[in-house]
């Protein structure tokens, strides 16, 4: 079924720019694997949204057997599946706290 043509906008409060990145982390409970989405963001809000995602990850408690990687930045492509998203480690390196 084709995706409906609604706009995908940045999650940052007050921003209505189109989202071009997905901030997400690989999560597993030992049986299921998926990307846990922390947010969708435009380029202008990426640094702030990535910092927020890192803080949320740091505060996250995991149940026995759960695995949650550090958040990553992925190029957002309309209608694509998570496993087909392109990860941007170059942007993550620029945004990572020193």
Protein backbone atom coordinates (compact mmCIF):
# COMPACT_ATOMS: atom_id res chain seq x y z
CA UNK A 1 0.00 0.00 0.00
CA UNK A 2 1.54 3.38 -0.94
CA UNK A 3 2.29 5.93 1.74
CA UNK A 4 -0.13 8.83 2.03
CA UNK A 5 1.37 12.18 0.98
CA UNK A 6 1.29 13.87 4.41
CA UNK A 7 4.39 15.95 5.25
CA UNK A 8 6.95 14.52 7.66
CA UNK A 9 8.18 17.44 9.74
CA UNK A 10 10.91 17.96 12.30
CA UNK A 11 10.04 16.93 15.88
CA UNK A 12 11.71 20.02 17.38
CA UNK A 13 9.25 22.29 19.15
CA UNK A 14 8.24 25.18 16.89
CA UNK A 15 10.03 23.81 13.82
CA UNK A 16 7.92 22.91 10.82
CA UNK A 17 10.76 22.18 8.39
CA UNK A 18 10.73 18.86 6.54
CA UNK A 19 12.50 16.07 8.43
CA UNK A 20 15.54 14.72 6.59
CA UNK A 21 17.11 12.60 9.34
CA UNK A 22 15.92 9.90 11.72
CA UNK A 23 17.68 9.60 15.06
CA UNK A 24 17.35 6.03 16.23
CA UNK A 25 19.13 3.20 18.06
CA UNK A 26 19.20 -0.52 17.42
CA UNK A 27 17.16 -2.29 20.09
CA UNK A 28 16.65 -5.98 20.81
CA UNK A 29 15.01 -8.03 23.51
CA UNK A 30 16.77 -11.17 22.31
CA UNK A 31 13.92 -12.17 20.02
CA UNK A 32 12.88 -9.00 18.22
CA UNK A 33 15.19 -6.43 16.61
CA UNK A 34 14.18 -2.94 15.54
CA UNK A 35 15.23 0.69 15.45
CA UNK A 36 13.97 2.67 18.45
CA UNK A 37 13.14 6.10 17.10
CA UNK A 38 14.19 9.08 19.19
CA UNK A 39 13.05 11.64 16.64
CA UNK A 40 12.82 12.92 13.11
CA UNK A 41 14.68 16.14 12.43
CA UNK A 42 15.69 18.71 9.88
CA UNK A 43 19.35 19.59 9.37
CA UNK A 44 19.10 22.81 11.37
CA UNK A 45 17.78 21.02 14.48
CA UNK A 46 19.96 17.90 14.17
CA UNK A 47 22.57 18.80 16.82
CA UNK A 48 19.99 19.67 19.47
CA UNK A 49 17.81 16.66 18.70
CA UNK A 50 20.83 14.32 18.73
CA UNK A 51 21.91 15.66 22.14
CA UNK A 52 18.38 15.08 23.45
CA UNK A 53 18.43 11.51 22.11
CA UNK A 54 21.79 10.85 23.81
CA UNK A 55 20.40 12.11 27.13
CA UNK A 56 17.28 9.95 26.80
CA UNK A 57 19.45 6.91 26.03
CA UNK A 58 21.63 7.58 29.07
CA UNK A 59 18.52 7.66 31.29
CA UNK A 60 17.03 4.49 29.80
CA UNK A 61 16.76 1.40 31.99
CA UNK A 62 16.84 -1.94 30.23
CA UNK A 63 15.17 -5.16 31.26
CA UNK A 64 17.18 -8.37 31.46
CA UNK A 65 18.14 -9.45 27.94
CA UNK A 66 17.48 -6.09 26.32
CA UNK A 67 20.15 -4.37 24.24
CA UNK A 68 19.97 -0.73 23.17
CA UNK A 69 22.81 0.78 21.15
CA UNK A 70 23.77 4.44 21.20
CA UNK A 71 21.59 6.66 19.01
CA UNK A 72 22.65 7.03 15.40
CA UNK A 73 21.75 9.40 12.57
CA UNK A 74 20.05 7.92 9.51
CA UNK A 75 19.00 9.57 6.25
CA UNK A 76 15.22 9.61 6.15
CA UNK A 77 13.70 8.27 2.93
CA UNK A 78 9.97 8.39 2.47
CA UNK A 79 8.36 4.98 2.16
CA UNK A 80 11.58 3.11 2.98
CA UNK A 81 12.01 0.46 5.63
CA UNK A 82 14.30 0.96 8.62
CA UNK A 83 16.76 -1.70 7.46
CA UNK A 84 17.24 0.22 4.18
CA UNK A 85 18.09 3.54 5.86
CA UNK A 86 21.61 4.86 5.34
CA UNK A 87 23.47 5.53 8.58
CA UNK A 88 25.59 8.70 8.77
CA UNK A 89 28.55 8.01 11.10
CA UNK A 90 30.23 11.16 9.75
CA UNK A 91 27.44 13.30 11.22
CA UNK A 92 27.44 11.28 14.45
CA UNK A 93 31.18 11.94 14.89
CA UNK A 94 30.61 15.68 14.43
CA UNK A 95 27.75 15.68 16.94
CA UNK A 96 29.20 13.38 19.60
CA UNK A 97 30.24 15.05 22.83
CA UNK A 98 34.02 15.28 23.16
